[in-house]
């Protein structure tokens, strides 16, 4: 095996480890978002909850595409954009849209967090 092949193999292993760590965190993020949505359903004007949803969605969107979780990245960007709008306009419709898209994001996070081979998810 030449040096280039060795370097590529080491790089592939490093990326696989980062993807696994990201997938492992998906469950935790799913639980955090679920708790925030529960709060927003009972207290739709909770700006702290909206800001927290925005921050989590932003972090997911920033990393998901890079690690090959394209659908997750798209959902996270949608959640981030809708949450930003909900914060700005503060209407029940905007908050409802945030809850709806974030629910879908939670489902995708749950799927990624399951014990499945990473080549079956998110690409």
N, C-alpha and C. Protein backbone atom coordinates (compact mmCIF):
# COMPACT_ATOMS: atom_id res chain seq x y z
N UNK A 1 0.86 -1.18 0.00
CA UNK A 1 0.00 0.00 0.00
C UNK A 1 0.90 1.23 0.00
N UNK A 2 0.65 2.15 -0.91
CA UNK A 2 1.49 3.34 -0.98
C UNK A 2 1.05 4.38 0.05
N UNK A 3 1.84 5.43 0.20
CA UNK A 3 1.55 6.46 1.21
C UNK A 3 0.20 7.14 0.98
N UNK A 4 -0.14 7.36 -0.29
CA UNK A 4 -1.42 8.00 -0.60
C UNK A 4 -2.58 7.13 -0.14
N UNK A 5 -2.49 5.84 -0.39
CA UNK A 5 -3.54 4.91 0.04
C UNK A 5 -3.64 4.85 1.56
N UNK A 6 -2.48 4.86 2.22
CA UNK A 6 -2.47 4.85 3.69
C UNK A 6 -3.11 6.12 4.23
N UNK A 7 -2.76 7.26 3.65
CA UNK A 7 -3.34 8.52 4.10
C UNK A 7 -4.84 8.56 3.86
N UNK A 8 -5.28 8.06 2.72
CA UNK A 8 -6.71 8.04 2.42
C UNK A 8 -7.45 7.14 3.39
N UNK A 9 -6.87 5.99 3.71
CA UNK A 9 -7.49 5.07 4.67
C UNK A 9 -7.60 5.71 6.04
N UNK A 10 -6.54 6.39 6.47
CA UNK A 10 -6.57 7.06 7.77
C UNK A 10 -7.61 8.17 7.78
N UNK A 11 -7.69 8.91 6.67
CA UNK A 11 -8.69 9.97 6.56
C UNK A 11 -10.10 9.39 6.61
N UNK A 12 -10.35 8.32 5.87
CA UNK A 12 -11.67 7.67 5.86
C UNK A 12 -12.06 7.21 7.26
N UNK A 13 -11.10 6.65 7.99
CA UNK A 13 -11.38 6.20 9.36
C UNK A 13 -11.70 7.39 10.27
N UNK A 14 -11.00 8.49 10.08
CA UNK A 14 -11.26 9.69 10.88
C UNK A 14 -12.66 10.23 10.62
N UNK A 15 -13.03 10.32 9.35
CA UNK A 15 -14.36 10.81 8.99
C UNK A 15 -15.43 9.88 9.54
N UNK A 16 -15.22 8.57 9.44
CA UNK A 16 -16.18 7.61 9.97
C UNK A 16 -16.35 7.79 11.48
N UNK A 17 -15.27 8.07 12.19
CA UNK A 17 -15.36 8.28 13.63
C UNK A 17 -16.15 9.55 13.96
N UNK A 18 -15.93 10.60 13.19
CA UNK A 18 -16.67 11.85 13.41
C UNK A 18 -18.15 11.65 13.10
N UNK A 19 -18.45 10.94 12.01
CA UNK A 19 -19.86 10.65 11.66
C UNK A 19 -20.53 9.84 12.77
N UNK A 20 -19.81 8.88 13.33
CA UNK A 20 -20.38 8.06 14.41
C UNK A 20 -20.66 8.92 15.63
N UNK A 21 -19.74 9.78 15.98
CA UNK A 21 -19.94 10.67 17.13
C UNK A 21 -21.15 11.58 16.89
N UNK A 22 -21.27 12.10 15.67
CA UNK A 22 -22.41 12.95 15.31
C UNK A 22 -23.71 12.16 15.44
N UNK A 23 -23.73 10.93 14.93
CA UNK A 23 -24.92 10.09 15.02
C UNK A 23 -25.26 9.78 16.47
N UNK A 24 -24.24 9.55 17.29
CA UNK A 24 -24.47 9.28 18.71
C UNK A 24 -25.12 10.49 19.40
N UNK A 25 -24.72 11.69 19.00
CA UNK A 25 -25.29 12.91 19.60
C UNK A 25 -26.70 13.20 19.09
N UNK A 26 -27.08 12.59 17.99
CA UNK A 26 -28.39 12.85 17.40
C UNK A 26 -29.51 12.56 18.39
N UNK A 27 -29.39 11.49 19.15
CA UNK A 27 -30.44 11.15 20.13
C UNK A 27 -30.56 12.24 21.18
N UNK A 28 -29.45 12.71 21.68
CA UNK A 28 -29.46 13.77 22.69
C UNK A 28 -30.11 15.04 22.15
N UNK A 29 -29.75 15.41 20.93
CA UNK A 29 -30.33 16.61 20.31
C UNK A 29 -31.82 16.42 20.07
N UNK A 30 -32.21 15.23 19.70
CA UNK A 30 -33.63 14.93 19.50
C UNK A 30 -34.41 15.13 20.80
N UNK A 31 -33.86 14.66 21.89
CA UNK A 31 -34.52 14.80 23.20
C UNK A 31 -34.62 16.27 23.61
N UNK A 32 -33.55 17.02 23.38
CA UNK A 32 -33.56 18.45 23.71
C UNK A 32 -34.64 19.18 22.91
N UNK A 33 -34.68 18.92 21.61
CA UNK A 33 -35.66 19.59 20.75
C UNK A 33 -37.08 19.18 21.14
N UNK A 34 -37.27 17.92 21.46
CA UNK A 34 -38.60 17.44 21.85
C UNK A 34 -39.10 18.16 23.10
N UNK A 35 -38.22 18.32 24.08
CA UNK A 35 -38.60 19.03 25.31
C UNK A 35 -38.92 20.50 25.02
N UNK A 36 -38.15 21.10 24.13
CA UNK A 36 -38.42 22.50 23.77
C UNK A 36 -39.75 22.65 23.04
N UNK A 37 -40.06 21.70 22.17
CA UNK A 37 -41.36 21.76 21.46
C UNK A 37 -42.52 21.57 22.43
N UNK A 38 -42.35 20.69 23.41
CA UNK A 38 -43.39 20.52 24.43
C UNK A 38 -43.65 21.84 25.14
N UNK A 39 -42.58 22.56 25.45
CA UNK A 39 -42.72 23.85 26.11
C UNK A 39 -43.41 24.86 25.19
N UNK A 40 -43.04 24.87 23.91
CA UNK A 40 -43.64 25.82 22.97
C UNK A 40 -45.12 25.52 22.72
N UNK A 41 -45.50 24.27 22.81
CA UNK A 41 -46.90 23.93 22.61
C UNK A 41 -47.77 24.46 23.75
N UNK A 42 -47.21 24.56 24.94
CA UNK A 42 -47.97 25.09 26.07
C UNK A 42 -47.71 26.57 26.31
N UNK A 43 -46.52 27.04 25.89
CA UNK A 43 -46.13 28.44 26.06
C UNK A 43 -45.54 28.96 24.76
N UNK A 44 -46.40 29.23 23.76
CA UNK A 44 -45.89 29.59 22.44
C UNK A 44 -45.07 30.88 22.39
N UNK A 45 -45.18 31.71 23.40
CA UNK A 45 -44.42 32.97 23.39
C UNK A 45 -43.10 32.86 24.15
N UNK A 46 -42.67 31.64 24.45
CA UNK A 46 -41.43 31.41 25.19
C UNK A 46 -40.23 31.67 24.27
N UNK A 47 -39.69 32.87 24.36
CA UNK A 47 -38.57 33.28 23.50
C UNK A 47 -37.30 32.48 23.79
N UNK A 48 -37.11 32.10 25.05
CA UNK A 48 -35.94 31.31 25.39
C UNK A 48 -35.99 29.96 24.68
N UNK A 49 -37.15 29.33 24.65
CA UNK A 49 -37.30 28.04 23.97
C UNK A 49 -37.05 28.20 22.47
N UNK A 50 -37.58 29.26 21.89
CA UNK A 50 -37.36 29.51 20.46
C UNK A 50 -35.88 29.73 20.16
N UNK A 51 -35.20 30.51 21.00
CA UNK A 51 -33.77 30.74 20.81
C UNK A 51 -32.98 29.43 20.91
N UNK A 52 -33.38 28.57 21.83
CA UNK A 52 -32.70 27.29 21.99
C UNK A 52 -32.90 26.39 20.77
N UNK A 53 -34.13 26.36 20.24
CA UNK A 53 -34.39 25.60 19.02
C UNK A 53 -33.52 26.14 17.89
N UNK A 54 -33.45 27.46 17.78
CA UNK A 54 -32.65 28.10 16.73
C UNK A 54 -31.18 27.68 16.85
N UNK A 55 -30.63 27.70 18.05
CA UNK A 55 -29.22 27.36 18.25
C UNK A 55 -28.93 25.90 17.90
N UNK A 56 -29.81 25.00 18.34
CA UNK A 56 -29.60 23.58 18.05
C UNK A 56 -29.70 23.33 16.55
N UNK A 57 -30.74 23.89 15.92
CA UNK A 57 -30.91 23.71 14.47
C UNK A 57 -29.71 24.27 13.72
N UNK A 58 -29.21 25.41 14.15
CA UNK A 58 -28.05 26.03 13.50
C UNK A 58 -26.82 25.13 13.58
N UNK A 59 -26.57 24.55 14.75
CA UNK A 59 -25.42 23.66 14.92
C UNK A 59 -25.55 22.42 14.03
N UNK A 60 -26.75 21.86 14.00
CA UNK A 60 -26.96 20.67 13.16
C UNK A 60 -26.77 21.01 11.69
N UNK A 61 -27.36 22.12 11.25
CA UNK A 61 -27.26 22.53 9.85
C UNK A 61 -25.81 22.77 9.45
N UNK A 62 -25.02 23.27 10.36
CA UNK A 62 -23.64 23.59 10.05
C UNK A 62 -22.75 22.39 9.84
N UNK A 63 -23.13 21.26 10.39
CA UNK A 63 -22.26 20.08 10.34
C UNK A 63 -22.85 18.96 9.47
N UNK A 64 -24.15 18.85 9.42
CA UNK A 64 -24.80 17.68 8.79
C UNK A 64 -24.36 17.46 7.34
N UNK A 65 -24.40 18.50 6.52
CA UNK A 65 -24.02 18.33 5.12
C UNK A 65 -22.57 17.90 4.97
N UNK A 66 -21.71 18.49 5.77
CA UNK A 66 -20.28 18.16 5.70
C UNK A 66 -20.03 16.69 5.97
N UNK A 67 -20.84 16.11 6.85
CA UNK A 67 -20.65 14.71 7.22
C UNK A 67 -21.50 13.76 6.38
N UNK A 68 -22.19 14.28 5.38
CA UNK A 68 -22.94 13.42 4.48
C UNK A 68 -24.38 13.17 4.87
N UNK A 69 -24.91 13.95 5.81
CA UNK A 69 -26.31 13.82 6.21
C UNK A 69 -27.11 14.92 5.53
N UNK A 70 -27.27 14.81 4.22
CA UNK A 70 -27.89 15.87 3.42
C UNK A 70 -29.31 16.21 3.82
N UNK A 71 -30.16 15.20 3.98
CA UNK A 71 -31.56 15.46 4.35
C UNK A 71 -31.63 16.14 5.72
N UNK A 72 -30.84 15.68 6.64
CA UNK A 72 -30.81 16.28 7.98
C UNK A 72 -30.39 17.73 7.89
N UNK A 73 -29.37 18.03 7.09
CA UNK A 73 -28.92 19.40 6.93
C UNK A 73 -30.02 20.29 6.38
N UNK A 74 -30.74 19.78 5.39
CA UNK A 74 -31.84 20.55 4.80
C UNK A 74 -32.95 20.81 5.82
N UNK A 75 -33.33 19.79 6.56
CA UNK A 75 -34.36 19.96 7.59
C UNK A 75 -33.91 20.94 8.67
N UNK A 76 -32.66 20.84 9.07
CA UNK A 76 -32.14 21.74 10.11
C UNK A 76 -32.13 23.19 9.62
N UNK A 77 -31.75 23.41 8.36
CA UNK A 77 -31.79 24.78 7.81
C UNK A 77 -33.22 25.30 7.76
N UNK A 78 -34.16 24.44 7.37
CA UNK A 78 -35.57 24.86 7.36
C UNK A 78 -36.03 25.23 8.77
N UNK A 79 -35.68 24.39 9.75
CA UNK A 79 -36.06 24.67 11.13
C UNK A 79 -35.42 25.97 11.61
N UNK A 80 -34.15 26.15 11.26
CA UNK A 80 -33.45 27.37 11.66
C UNK A 80 -34.13 28.61 11.06
N UNK A 81 -34.43 28.57 9.77
CA UNK A 81 -35.05 29.73 9.11
C UNK A 81 -36.45 30.01 9.64
N UNK A 82 -37.25 28.97 9.82
CA UNK A 82 -38.60 29.17 10.34
C UNK A 82 -38.58 29.65 11.79
N UNK A 83 -37.64 29.15 12.57
CA UNK A 83 -37.53 29.59 13.96
C UNK A 83 -37.10 31.06 14.02
N UNK A 84 -36.18 31.43 13.17
CA UNK A 84 -35.75 32.84 13.12
C UNK A 84 -36.96 33.73 12.78
N UNK A 85 -37.76 33.31 11.83
CA UNK A 85 -38.97 34.06 11.47
C UNK A 85 -39.93 34.12 12.65
N UNK A 86 -40.12 33.00 13.33
CA UNK A 86 -41.03 32.97 14.49
C UNK A 86 -40.56 33.92 15.58
N UNK A 87 -39.26 34.02 15.78
CA UNK A 87 -38.73 34.95 16.77
C UNK A 87 -39.00 36.39 16.35
N UNK A 88 -38.83 36.67 15.06
CA UNK A 88 -39.01 38.04 14.57
C UNK A 88 -40.46 38.49 14.56
N UNK A 89 -41.38 37.63 14.07
CA UNK A 89 -42.77 38.06 13.93
C UNK A 89 -43.64 37.66 15.12
N UNK A 90 -43.23 36.62 15.85
CA UNK A 90 -43.91 36.19 17.06
C UNK A 90 -45.41 36.00 16.87
N UNK A 91 -45.80 35.25 15.85
CA UNK A 91 -47.20 34.91 15.64
C UNK A 91 -47.40 33.41 15.88
N UNK A 92 -48.61 33.04 16.21
CA UNK A 92 -48.90 31.62 16.43
C UNK A 92 -48.67 30.79 15.16
N UNK A 93 -48.98 31.36 14.00
CA UNK A 93 -48.76 30.64 12.74
C UNK A 93 -47.27 30.35 12.54
N UNK A 94 -46.44 31.35 12.78
CA UNK A 94 -45.00 31.16 12.60
C UNK A 94 -44.45 30.15 13.61
N UNK A 95 -44.92 30.22 14.83
CA UNK A 95 -44.48 29.28 15.85
C UNK A 95 -44.99 27.88 15.52
N UNK A 96 -46.21 27.78 15.01
CA UNK A 96 -46.75 26.48 14.58
C UNK A 96 -45.92 25.87 13.46
N UNK A 97 -45.48 26.70 12.51
CA UNK A 97 -44.62 26.21 11.42
C UNK A 97 -43.29 25.72 11.97
N UNK A 98 -42.75 26.43 12.94
CA UNK A 98 -41.50 26.01 13.58
C UNK A 98 -41.68 24.65 14.25
N UNK A 99 -42.77 24.49 14.97
CA UNK A 99 -43.03 23.22 15.66
C UNK A 99 -43.14 22.09 14.64
N UNK A 100 -43.84 22.35 13.55
CA UNK A 100 -44.06 21.30 12.54
C UNK A 100 -42.75 20.85 11.90
N UNK A 101 -41.94 21.79 11.44
CA UNK A 101 -40.69 21.40 10.78
C UNK A 101 -39.69 20.82 11.78
N UNK A 102 -39.72 21.29 13.01
CA UNK A 102 -38.80 20.76 14.02
C UNK A 102 -39.20 19.34 14.40
N UNK A 103 -40.49 19.03 14.37
CA UNK A 103 -40.94 17.65 14.58
C UNK A 103 -40.34 16.72 13.54
N UNK A 104 -40.33 17.16 12.29
CA UNK A 104 -39.73 16.36 11.22
C UNK A 104 -38.23 16.22 11.43
N UNK A 105 -37.59 17.29 11.88
CA UNK A 105 -36.16 17.25 12.20
C UNK A 105 -35.89 16.22 13.30
N UNK A 106 -36.74 16.20 14.31
CA UNK A 106 -36.60 15.24 15.41
C UNK A 106 -36.68 13.80 14.88
N UNK A 107 -37.64 13.55 13.99
CA UNK A 107 -37.78 12.21 13.41
C UNK A 107 -36.51 11.80 12.68
N UNK A 108 -35.92 12.72 11.93
CA UNK A 108 -34.69 12.42 11.19
C UNK A 108 -33.53 12.18 12.16
N UNK A 109 -33.44 12.98 13.21
CA UNK A 109 -32.39 12.77 14.22
C UNK A 109 -32.54 11.40 14.87
N UNK A 110 -33.79 11.02 15.17
CA UNK A 110 -34.03 9.71 15.77
C UNK A 110 -33.57 8.59 14.84
N UNK A 111 -33.84 8.76 13.56
CA UNK A 111 -33.44 7.75 12.59
C UNK A 111 -31.91 7.63 12.51
N UNK A 112 -31.24 8.76 12.50
CA UNK A 112 -29.78 8.76 12.42
C UNK A 112 -29.18 8.20 13.71
N UNK A 113 -29.83 8.46 14.83
CA UNK A 113 -29.32 8.00 16.11
C UNK A 113 -29.51 6.52 16.37
N UNK A 114 -30.30 5.86 15.54
CA UNK A 114 -30.49 4.42 15.71
C UNK A 114 -29.23 3.68 15.35
N UNK A 115 -29.14 2.47 15.82
CA UNK A 115 -27.97 1.65 15.52
C UNK A 115 -28.10 1.01 14.15
N UNK A 116 -27.87 1.81 13.11
CA UNK A 116 -27.88 1.31 11.73
C UNK A 116 -26.56 1.70 11.10
N UNK A 117 -26.14 0.96 10.11
CA UNK A 117 -24.91 1.36 9.41
C UNK A 117 -25.08 2.76 8.85
N UNK A 118 -24.07 3.60 8.99
CA UNK A 118 -24.17 4.99 8.57
C UNK A 118 -24.37 5.15 7.08
N UNK A 119 -24.00 4.17 6.27
CA UNK A 119 -24.21 4.32 4.84
C UNK A 119 -25.69 4.16 4.46
N UNK A 120 -26.55 3.78 5.42
CA UNK A 120 -27.97 3.66 5.14
C UNK A 120 -28.74 4.93 5.47
N UNK A 121 -28.12 5.88 6.13
CA UNK A 121 -28.85 7.08 6.56
C UNK A 121 -28.26 8.34 5.95
N UNK A 122 -29.15 9.32 5.81
CA UNK A 122 -28.76 10.69 5.58
C UNK A 122 -28.09 11.07 4.30
N UNK A 123 -27.69 10.18 3.45
CA UNK A 123 -26.94 10.56 2.27
C UNK A 123 -27.83 10.95 1.17
